[in-house]
Amino acid sequence: MGVIKRGIRNAFRNWVRTLSIVTILSFSIGLALTMLIARQTVQQKIESVKSSVGNTVSVSPAGLRGFEGGGEALTEAEVAKVQNIEHVTSITKTLNDRLTTADSNLVSSIDAGSLGQRFSQRSGESVPPSGSTSTNQNTQGTRNYTPPITALGTTDPTNLSSTMGGGTFKLESGTVFNPKNTDNVALVGKNLATKNNLKVNSTFTAYNATIKVVGIFDSGNNFSNNQVIIPFSTLQKLTSQTGQMTSATVNIDSVTNIDSVTASVKKVLGDKADVTNSADQAKQVVTPLENIKSISTISLIGSLIAGSVIILLTMIMIVRERRREIGILKAIGANNLKITMQFVVEALTLTLFGAFFGLLIGVFGSNPVTKLLVQNSTSATTNAVPGMGGGRGIGRIIEFAGVRDIQASVGWDIILYGLLAALIIAVIGSAIPSWFISKIRPAEVMRTE
């Protein structure tokens, strides 16, 4: 009988032991594959996050923040130089303005409330806010403040994350205009549209021009839903600011290059602009994923070690039980290599059966285990962020990046890894028993028996 055939038959000499070993190995290899799949899935998500979150550099005129501060507007010629910097993939240009009752027939959808009145009273009197009345332009008088409407000119109309108020873009009706459009068209926030009875194809006036509504959007918050989004070139024309912008968002191929690009942008624009980046956001999102990756790696190594120890102890026990059989085989001419190969085949048979059932465990268990790890880790990170609204802020970033919607996938490479794990476990588990086999002498065994 051949060595391979004898090794396979020996694996099933004791069905109770075989079933026990295969069951334990199945869970060990299944856990190893589950952790391997989780690690690969998380690594792919980390790369995805690095290319989509925290990979932006914000550029604004020096001294300006939103509608606060001052400074001189940036020019398209200045920002165009940034496009040539290595790792820069694109630049989103924006021009912000405010619509008052003097500029438009639109009525703001935001009620000032006590906060708005308080902020307006502390904002100075040199330029009264839209809709306000004052007894004296240079003294604090009675004011009836109405929050203005934000007009946003942009080359990326579906991205509200970098505009005032943040938010996401969801088109509720109509279409999104072409970013290169120069017509008098606009997307209107849901709240603003409801307040002014606007629908798709309705018109409103702004800057002494008639503007057509081509779409209604929902940003998810009241502030951004009180704005109109207009093609960048159109708003430049309407406000007589051709060639100018109030901010730019520089998109980078990966967050790993953000520091070098930030430094290059500062060098190119000098003291004309304030340059900041969103590396901290990416770090907050990636950190829990890196933790999961570390846990998966440690669990993977631990599972492989556990499987190797199980098969090692099993084979040592089997070798000790079969000392007489090994002695007889040696007595009739079998060498150490053939006998060792017989036990290696037996160990490999047991681990292959364990790998088969372990693969099933890994395939069906990887997705729920990965999701559970991600949910627990990101929830802990969100709850740990201090400060007013901090947890909600990082929570929105995590949702935007789709971290919690992670999906584990199993490919043919996982099956190959499972077979490789079985081979490694079998070889390691048979190494020491092979040494015991070589030490068995037929004469001593016969005398002992």
Protein backbone atom coordinates (compact mmCIF):
# COMPACT_ATOMS: atom_id res chain seq x y z
CA MET A 1 0.00 0.00 0.00
CA GLY A 2 1.39 3.41 -0.95
CA VAL A 3 2.46 6.03 1.54
CA ILE A 4 -0.27 8.49 0.48
CA LYS A 5 -3.05 5.90 0.58
CA ARG A 6 -1.92 4.60 3.97
CA GLY A 7 -1.74 8.16 5.37
CA ILE A 8 -5.28 8.97 4.20
CA ARG A 9 -6.67 5.71 5.68
CA ASN A 10 -4.89 6.33 8.96
CA ALA A 11 -6.64 9.70 9.29
CA PHE A 12 -9.95 7.85 9.74
CA ARG A 13 -8.84 4.99 12.00
CA ASN A 14 -10.54 6.63 14.97
CA TRP A 15 -13.72 8.42 13.84
CA VAL A 16 -14.37 10.11 17.18
CA ARG A 17 -10.91 11.63 17.26
CA THR A 18 -11.07 12.56 13.59
CA LEU A 19 -14.41 14.32 14.02
CA SER A 20 -13.18 16.20 17.08
CA ILE A 21 -9.96 17.34 15.40
CA VAL A 22 -11.71 18.38 12.17
CA THR A 23 -14.30 20.35 14.15
CA ILE A 24 -11.68 22.23 16.15
CA LEU A 25 -9.55 22.85 13.06
CA SER A 26 -12.63 24.06 11.16
CA PHE A 27 -13.27 26.79 13.71
CA SER A 28 -9.57 27.67 13.88
CA ILE A 29 -9.15 27.93 10.11
CA GLY A 30 -12.59 29.55 9.76
CA LEU A 31 -11.60 32.27 12.22
CA ALA A 32 -8.29 32.74 10.41
CA LEU A 33 -10.04 33.16 7.05
CA THR A 34 -12.66 35.46 8.58
CA MET A 35 -9.94 37.69 9.97
CA LEU A 36 -8.04 37.55 6.69
CA ILE A 37 -11.14 38.61 4.73
CA ALA A 38 -11.88 41.34 7.28
CA ARG A 39 -8.30 42.60 7.04
CA GLN A 40 -8.39 42.72 3.23
CA THR A 41 -11.79 44.42 3.21
CA VAL A 42 -10.71 47.02 5.73
CA GLN A 43 -7.46 47.65 3.84
CA GLN A 44 -9.45 48.30 0.65
CA LYS A 45 -11.74 50.67 2.55
CA ILE A 46 -8.73 52.50 4.01
CA GLU A 47 -7.38 53.08 0.49
CA SER A 48 -10.83 54.23 -0.61
CA VAL A 49 -11.15 56.63 2.31
CA LYS A 50 -7.69 58.04 1.70
CA SER A 51 -8.69 58.86 -1.87
CA SER A 52 -12.08 60.38 -0.97
CA VAL A 53 -11.95 61.81 2.58
CA GLY A 54 -9.38 64.24 3.89
CA ASN A 55 -7.76 64.55 0.46
CA THR A 56 -8.66 68.20 -0.03
CA VAL A 57 -6.83 71.47 0.51
CA SER A 58 -8.99 74.53 1.13
CA VAL A 59 -7.81 77.84 -0.29
CA SER A 60 -9.39 81.19 0.63
CA PRO A 61 -8.31 84.84 0.40
CA ALA A 62 -5.98 85.77 3.24
CA GLY A 63 -8.05 86.96 6.21
CA LEU A 64 -11.42 85.71 4.90
CA ARG A 65 -13.56 82.99 6.45
CA GLY A 66 -17.00 82.59 4.89
CA PHE A 67 -18.56 86.04 5.14
CA GLU A 68 -16.33 87.13 8.01
CA GLY A 69 -13.00 88.92 7.91
CA GLY A 70 -11.72 90.63 4.80
CA GLY A 71 -9.04 90.54 2.16
CA GLU A 72 -8.87 90.52 -1.62
CA ALA A 73 -10.57 87.93 -3.81
CA LEU A 74 -8.46 85.23 -5.40
CA THR A 75 -8.11 85.27 -9.16
CA GLU A 76 -8.51 82.35 -11.52
CA ALA A 77 -5.05 83.07 -12.92
CA GLU A 78 -3.49 82.62 -9.47
CA VAL A 79 -5.38 79.41 -8.70
CA ALA A 80 -4.61 77.98 -12.15
CA LYS A 81 -0.96 77.69 -11.09
CA VAL A 82 -2.01 75.21 -8.41
CA GLN A 83 -3.36 72.79 -11.03
CA ASN A 84 0.20 72.04 -12.16
CA ILE A 85 1.28 70.82 -8.72
CA GLU A 86 2.00 67.09 -8.58
CA HIS A 87 -0.78 64.89 -7.10
CA VAL A 88 -3.46 67.56 -7.71
CA THR A 89 -6.35 65.91 -9.58
CA SER A 90 -8.83 68.79 -9.85
CA ILE A 91 -9.84 72.14 -8.40
CA THR A 92 -13.37 73.15 -7.41
CA LYS A 93 -13.87 76.90 -7.71
CA THR A 94 -16.51 78.72 -5.69
CA LEU A 95 -17.83 82.25 -5.44
CA ASN A 96 -20.02 83.14 -2.48
CA ASP A 97 -22.44 86.03 -2.28
CA ARG A 98 -25.48 87.05 -0.27
CA LEU A 99 -28.87 87.92 -1.67
CA THR A 100 -30.81 90.63 0.17
CA THR A 101 -34.19 92.18 -0.55
CA ALA A 102 -32.34 94.81 -2.55
CA ASP A 103 -30.82 92.14 -4.83
CA SER A 104 -33.65 89.65 -5.25
CA ASN A 105 -37.37 89.03 -4.87
CA LEU A 106 -36.65 85.85 -2.88
CA VAL A 107 -37.65 85.64 0.77
CA SER A 108 -35.31 83.83 3.15
CA SER A 109 -36.62 80.53 4.52
CA ILE A 110 -34.73 80.93 7.82
CA ASP A 111 -36.35 82.67 10.79
CA ALA A 112 -33.73 84.69 12.65
CA GLY A 113 -35.05 83.79 16.08
CA SER A 114 -33.28 84.91 19.24
CA LEU A 115 -29.87 83.73 18.02
CA GLY A 116 -30.10 85.56 14.71
CA GLN A 117 -31.21 88.79 16.39
CA ARG A 118 -28.41 88.50 18.93
CA PHE A 119 -25.74 87.87 16.28
CA SER A 120 -27.02 90.74 14.13
CA GLN A 121 -26.88 93.19 17.03
CA ARG A 122 -23.21 92.34 17.55
CA SER A 123 -22.23 92.50 13.89
CA GLY A 124 -21.78 96.29 13.70
CA GLU A 125 -23.90 99.01 12.09
CA SER A 126 -21.91 100.26 9.14
CA VAL A 127 -23.79 97.96 6.74
CA PRO A 128 -27.24 97.00 8.09
CA PRO A 129 -28.26 93.43 7.33
CA SER A 130 -30.93 92.66 4.78
CA GLY A 131 -34.42 93.56 6.00
CA SER A 132 -33.15 95.37 9.10
CA THR A 133 -34.22 98.77 10.40
CA SER A 134 -32.14 100.98 12.64
CA THR A 135 -32.79 104.31 14.38
CA ASN A 136 -29.18 105.33 13.70
CA GLN A 137 -26.75 103.69 11.34
CA ASN A 138 -23.85 104.13 13.76
CA THR A 139 -25.62 103.12 16.98
CA GLN A 140 -27.33 100.02 18.21
CA GLY A 141 -31.03 100.58 17.47
CA THR A 142 -34.07 98.39 17.10
CA ARG A 143 -33.49 95.84 14.34
CA ASN A 144 -35.70 93.39 12.54
CA TYR A 145 -33.11 91.01 11.15
CA THR A 146 -33.78 88.54 8.34
CA PRO A 147 -30.99 86.06 7.56
CA PRO A 148 -29.84 86.56 3.97
CA ILE A 149 -29.94 83.93 1.24
CA THR A 150 -26.62 82.42 0.22
CA ALA A 151 -25.80 82.46 -3.47
CA LEU A 152 -23.15 79.92 -4.36
CA GLY A 153 -21.38 79.88 -7.68
CA THR A 154 -19.51 76.62 -8.14
CA THR A 155 -17.88 74.33 -10.66
CA ASP A 156 -19.07 71.31 -8.66
CA PRO A 157 -22.78 71.82 -7.94
CA THR A 158 -23.34 68.44 -6.26
CA ASN A 159 -20.70 68.93 -3.55
CA LEU A 160 -21.93 70.92 -0.57
CA SER A 161 -19.46 69.49 1.95
CA SER A 162 -17.05 72.41 1.55
CA THR A 163 -19.68 75.19 1.43
CA MET A 164 -21.12 77.08 4.38
CA GLY A 165 -23.33 74.84 6.44
CA GLY A 166 -21.94 71.68 4.87
CA GLY A 167 -24.47 69.04 4.00
CA THR A 168 -24.93 66.58 1.20
CA PHE A 169 -26.61 66.96 -2.16
CA LYS A 170 -29.80 65.11 -3.05
CA LEU A 171 -31.65 66.21 -6.15
CA GLU A 172 -35.40 66.05 -5.48
CA SER A 173 -36.61 67.24 -8.88
CA GLY A 174 -35.27 68.66 -12.11
CA THR A 175 -31.70 68.33 -13.36
CA VAL A 176 -28.24 69.51 -12.37
CA PHE A 177 -26.77 72.17 -14.63
CA ASN A 178 -23.53 71.63 -16.50
CA PRO A 179 -20.67 73.13 -14.41
CA LYS A 180 -19.47 75.00 -17.53
CA ASN A 181 -22.92 76.50 -18.11
CA THR A 182 -23.07 80.31 -18.43
CA ASP A 183 -26.88 80.63 -18.57
CA ASN A 184 -28.98 82.26 -15.87
CA VAL A 185 -30.05 79.02 -14.19
CA ALA A 186 -29.98 77.82 -10.60
CA LEU A 187 -30.57 74.94 -8.22
CA VAL A 188 -32.71 76.02 -5.27
CA GLY A 189 -32.69 74.57 -1.76
CA LYS A 190 -35.87 72.74 -0.74
CA ASN A 191 -36.79 75.12 2.09
CA LEU A 192 -36.18 78.21 0.00
CA ALA A 193 -38.24 76.80 -2.86
CA THR A 194 -41.17 76.02 -0.53
CA LYS A 195 -41.01 79.48 1.05
CA ASN A 196 -41.17 81.20 -2.36
CA ASN A 197 -43.48 78.70 -4.12
CA LEU A 198 -40.77 77.78 -6.61
CA LYS A 199 -40.80 74.67 -8.76
CA VAL A 200 -38.71 73.40 -11.65
CA ASN A 201 -38.95 75.90 -14.56
CA SER A 202 -40.13 78.68 -12.20
CA THR A 203 -38.17 81.94 -12.27
CA PHE A 204 -36.99 84.47 -9.73
CA THR A 205 -35.07 87.71 -9.98
CA ALA A 206 -31.59 88.37 -8.65
CA TYR A 207 -29.00 90.98 -9.57
CA ASN A 208 -31.55 92.60 -11.92
CA ALA A 209 -31.71 89.39 -13.95
CA THR A 210 -34.30 86.65 -14.37
CA ILE A 211 -33.01 83.25 -13.28
CA LYS A 212 -34.65 79.94 -14.14
CA VAL A 213 -34.97 77.13 -11.59
CA VAL A 214 -33.66 73.90 -13.16
CA GLY A 215 -33.67 71.78 -10.01
CA ILE A 216 -34.71 71.54 -6.36
CA PHE A 217 -32.25 69.93 -3.94
CA ASP A 218 -32.17 68.79 -0.32
CA SER A 219 -28.90 69.23 1.58
CA GLY A 220 -30.07 67.68 4.82
CA ASN A 221 -29.85 70.92 6.86
CA ASN A 222 -31.81 74.15 7.00
CA PHE A 223 -28.87 76.45 6.36
CA SER A 224 -27.82 74.93 3.05
CA ASN A 225 -31.46 74.53 2.01
CA ASN A 226 -31.70 78.34 2.13
CA GLN A 227 -29.27 78.81 -0.73
CA VAL A 228 -29.26 78.94 -4.50
CA ILE A 229 -26.51 77.22 -6.48
CA ILE A 230 -25.59 79.00 -9.70
CA PRO A 231 -22.98 78.15 -12.37
CA PHE A 232 -19.65 79.64 -11.34
CA SER A 233 -19.20 81.73 -14.50
CA THR A 234 -22.81 82.95 -14.31
CA LEU A 235 -22.44 84.29 -10.77
CA GLN A 236 -19.16 85.95 -11.74
CA LYS A 237 -20.99 87.73 -14.56
CA LEU A 238 -24.04 88.70 -12.48
CA THR A 239 -21.94 90.13 -9.63
CA SER A 240 -19.35 91.77 -11.92
CA GLN A 241 -16.55 89.62 -10.49
CA THR A 242 -15.21 88.06 -13.67
CA GLY A 243 -12.03 86.08 -13.05
CA GLN A 244 -12.47 86.15 -9.26
CA MET A 245 -13.43 83.61 -6.61
CA THR A 246 -13.86 83.51 -2.84
CA SER A 247 -12.54 79.98 -2.30
CA ALA A 248 -11.13 76.93 -4.02
CA THR A 249 -10.99 73.29 -3.01
CA VAL A 250 -7.93 71.44 -4.29
CA ASN A 251 -8.56 67.71 -4.68
CA ILE A 252 -5.57 65.36 -4.22
CA ASP A 253 -5.12 61.77 -5.37
CA SER A 254 -4.50 60.48 -1.82
CA VAL A 255 -4.43 61.80 1.73
CA THR A 256 -0.86 60.52 2.02
CA ASN A 257 0.23 63.39 -0.27
CA ILE A 258 -1.75 66.10 1.49
CA ASP A 259 1.13 67.61 3.48
CA SER A 260 3.41 68.00 0.47
CA VAL A 261 0.63 69.46 -1.68
CA THR A 262 -0.40 71.87 1.10
CA ALA A 263 3.17 73.13 1.34
CA SER A 264 3.35 73.53 -2.46
CA VAL A 265 0.06 75.45 -2.59
CA LYS A 266 1.29 77.82 0.13
CA LYS A 267 4.50 78.36 -1.80
CA VAL A 268 2.66 79.08 -5.06
CA LEU A 269 0.06 81.47 -3.59
CA GLY A 270 2.22 82.99 -0.89
CA ASP A 271 0.57 85.46 1.49
CA LYS A 272 -2.37 86.05 -0.84
CA ALA A 273 -4.26 83.05 0.52
CA ASP A 274 -4.97 81.10 3.67
CA VAL A 275 -4.37 77.40 3.02
CA THR A 276 -5.70 74.61 5.22
CA ASN A 277 -6.27 70.88 4.70
CA SER A 278 -8.60 68.18 5.98
CA ALA A 279 -6.00 65.63 7.05
CA ASP A 280 -7.44 65.46 10.57
CA GLN A 281 -10.81 64.34 9.19
CA ALA A 282 -9.18 61.49 7.29
CA LYS A 283 -7.19 60.50 10.37
CA GLN A 284 -10.36 60.33 12.47
CA VAL A 285 -12.02 58.08 9.89
CA VAL A 286 -8.99 55.89 9.17
CA THR A 287 -7.96 55.37 12.83
CA PRO A 288 -10.80 52.94 13.72
CA LEU A 289 -10.17 51.07 10.46
CA GLU A 290 -6.48 50.76 11.28
CA ASN A 291 -7.45 49.39 14.70
CA ILE A 292 -9.66 46.76 13.06
CA LYS A 293 -6.81 45.89 10.72
CA SER A 294 -4.49 45.34 13.68
CA ILE A 295 -7.08 43.23 15.52
CA SER A 296 -7.66 41.15 12.37
CA THR A 297 -3.93 40.58 11.89
CA ILE A 298 -3.40 39.49 15.49
CA SER A 299 -6.45 37.20 15.38
CA LEU A 300 -5.27 35.74 12.06
CA ILE A 301 -1.85 34.89 13.48
CA GLY A 302 -3.40 33.55 16.68
CA SER A 303 -5.78 31.29 14.73
CA LEU A 304 -2.97 29.84 12.62
CA ILE A 305 -0.86 29.20 15.72
CA ALA A 306 -3.82 27.56 17.46
CA GLY A 307 -4.43 25.29 14.45
CA SER A 308 -0.76 24.35 14.29
CA VAL A 309 -0.65 23.55 18.01
CA ILE A 310 -3.79 21.42 17.73
CA ILE A 311 -2.45 19.32 14.87
CA LEU A 312 0.99 19.19 16.52
CA LEU A 313 -0.36 17.77 19.78
CA THR A 314 -2.58 15.39 17.85
CA MET A 315 0.27 14.03 15.76
CA ILE A 316 2.53 13.66 18.81
CA MET A 317 -0.21 11.65 20.49
CA ILE A 318 -0.69 9.52 17.35
CA VAL A 319 3.05 8.86 17.00
CA ARG A 320 3.28 7.76 20.63
CA GLU A 321 0.30 5.45 20.14
CA ARG A 322 1.86 3.86 17.06
CA ARG A 323 5.42 3.36 18.29
CA ARG A 324 5.10 -0.40 17.83
CA GLU A 325 3.73 0.01 14.31
CA ILE A 326 6.55 2.42 13.42
CA GLY A 327 9.11 -0.02 14.85
CA ILE A 328 7.71 -2.89 12.73
CA LEU A 329 7.76 -0.73 9.57
CA LYS A 330 11.38 0.14 10.23
CA ALA A 331 12.21 -3.49 10.92
CA ILE A 332 10.90 -4.58 7.53
CA GLY A 333 12.86 -1.89 5.69
CA ALA A 334 10.82 1.31 5.73
CA ASN A 335 13.05 4.37 6.12
CA ASN A 336 12.34 7.46 8.22
CA LEU A 337 11.35 9.55 5.18
CA LYS A 338 8.57 7.17 4.09
CA ILE A 339 7.19 6.82 7.59
CA THR A 340 7.35 10.60 8.11
CA MET A 341 5.54 11.20 4.81
CA GLN A 342 2.80 8.83 5.93
CA PHE A 343 2.16 10.96 9.02
CA VAL A 344 2.43 14.19 7.03
CA VAL A 345 -0.27 12.91 4.65
CA GLU A 346 -2.44 11.99 7.63
CA ALA A 347 -2.01 15.46 9.14
CA LEU A 348 -2.67 17.09 5.76
CA THR A 349 -5.86 15.04 5.32
CA LEU A 350 -7.18 16.19 8.68
CA THR A 351 -6.32 19.84 8.03
CA LEU A 352 -7.78 19.78 4.50
CA PHE A 353 -11.10 18.59 5.89
CA GLY A 354 -10.82 21.30 8.54
CA ALA A 355 -9.99 23.84 5.81
CA PHE A 356 -13.06 22.83 3.79
CA PHE A 357 -15.48 23.44 6.64
CA GLY A 358 -13.40 26.40 7.82
CA LEU A 359 -13.79 27.94 4.37
CA LEU A 360 -17.56 27.71 4.71
CA ILE A 361 -17.34 29.39 8.11
CA GLY A 362 -15.11 32.10 6.67
CA VAL A 363 -17.36 32.76 3.66
CA PHE A 364 -20.59 33.02 5.64
CA GLY A 365 -19.09 34.59 8.76
CA SER A 366 -16.76 37.20 7.30
CA ASN A 367 -19.39 39.80 6.38
CA PRO A 368 -21.26 39.92 9.71
CA VAL A 369 -18.02 39.78 11.71
CA THR A 370 -16.46 42.58 9.64
CA LYS A 371 -19.57 44.74 9.98
CA LEU A 372 -19.69 44.11 13.73
CA LEU A 373 -16.05 45.16 14.13
CA VAL A 374 -16.59 48.30 12.04
CA GLN A 375 -19.81 49.27 13.82
CA ASN A 376 -18.27 48.90 17.28
CA SER A 377 -15.05 50.68 16.34
CA THR A 378 -16.64 53.64 14.54
CA SER A 379 -19.30 54.03 17.23
CA ALA A 380 -16.58 54.17 19.88
CA THR A 381 -14.70 56.77 17.82
CA THR A 382 -17.83 58.89 17.29
CA ASN A 383 -18.71 58.83 20.98
CA ALA A 384 -15.13 59.65 21.98
CA VAL A 385 -14.92 62.89 19.96
CA PRO A 386 -15.30 65.75 22.45
CA GLY A 387 -16.76 69.17 21.91
CA MET A 388 -20.10 70.57 20.78
CA GLY A 389 -21.30 68.61 17.80
CA GLY A 390 -17.93 66.89 17.46
CA GLY A 391 -19.38 63.40 17.58
CA ARG A 392 -22.05 64.29 15.06
CA GLY A 393 -19.42 65.89 12.83
CA ILE A 394 -17.15 62.84 12.65
CA GLY A 395 -20.29 60.71 12.39
CA ARG A 396 -21.30 62.59 9.23
CA ILE A 397 -17.82 62.15 7.80
CA ILE A 398 -17.94 58.42 8.53
CA GLU A 399 -21.35 58.13 6.88
CA PHE A 400 -20.14 60.17 3.89
CA ALA A 401 -17.17 57.84 3.45
CA GLY A 402 -19.47 54.81 3.58
CA VAL A 403 -17.35 53.19 6.28
CA ARG A 404 -20.28 51.56 8.05
CA ASP A 405 -21.63 50.19 4.78
CA ILE A 406 -18.54 48.05 4.33
CA GLN A 407 -19.08 44.79 2.44
CA ALA A 408 -16.69 41.84 2.70
CA SER A 409 -16.07 39.97 -0.53
CA VAL A 410 -14.63 36.48 -0.99
CA GLY A 411 -12.55 35.70 -4.06
CA TRP A 412 -10.60 32.73 -5.33
CA ASP A 413 -7.54 34.09 -3.59
CA ILE A 414 -9.25 33.42 -0.24
CA ILE A 415 -9.75 29.76 -1.20
CA LEU A 416 -6.07 29.51 -2.11
CA TYR A 417 -5.14 31.15 1.19
CA GLY A 418 -7.30 28.59 3.01
CA LEU A 419 -5.51 25.72 1.31
CA LEU A 420 -2.16 27.35 2.02
CA ALA A 421 -3.11 27.73 5.69
CA ALA A 422 -3.98 24.03 5.81
CA LEU A 423 -0.63 23.13 4.26
CA ILE A 424 1.29 25.34 6.70
CA ILE A 425 -0.58 23.89 9.68
CA ALA A 426 0.01 20.32 8.48
CA VAL A 427 3.74 20.85 7.88
CA ILE A 428 4.29 22.65 11.19
CA GLY A 429 2.17 20.11 13.04
CA SER A 430 4.20 17.22 11.58
CA ALA A 431 7.66 18.67 12.15
CA ILE A 432 8.22 17.60 15.77
CA PRO A 433 6.46 14.21 15.37
CA SER A 434 8.87 13.53 12.51
CA TRP A 435 11.74 14.03 14.92
CA PHE A 436 10.14 11.51 17.32
CA ILE A 437 9.77 9.02 14.47
CA SER A 438 13.46 9.25 13.64
CA LYS A 439 14.34 8.43 17.27
CA ILE A 440 12.30 5.22 17.41
CA ARG A 441 14.51 2.10 17.16
CA PRO A 442 12.87 -1.21 16.18
CA ALA A 443 14.85 -3.32 18.69
CA GLU A 444 13.95 -1.08 21.64
CA VAL A 445 10.25 -1.06 20.64
CA MET A 446 10.15 -4.85 20.34
CA ARG A 447 11.81 -5.29 23.75
CA THR A 448 9.40 -2.83 25.35
CA GLU A 449 6.34 -4.45 23.78
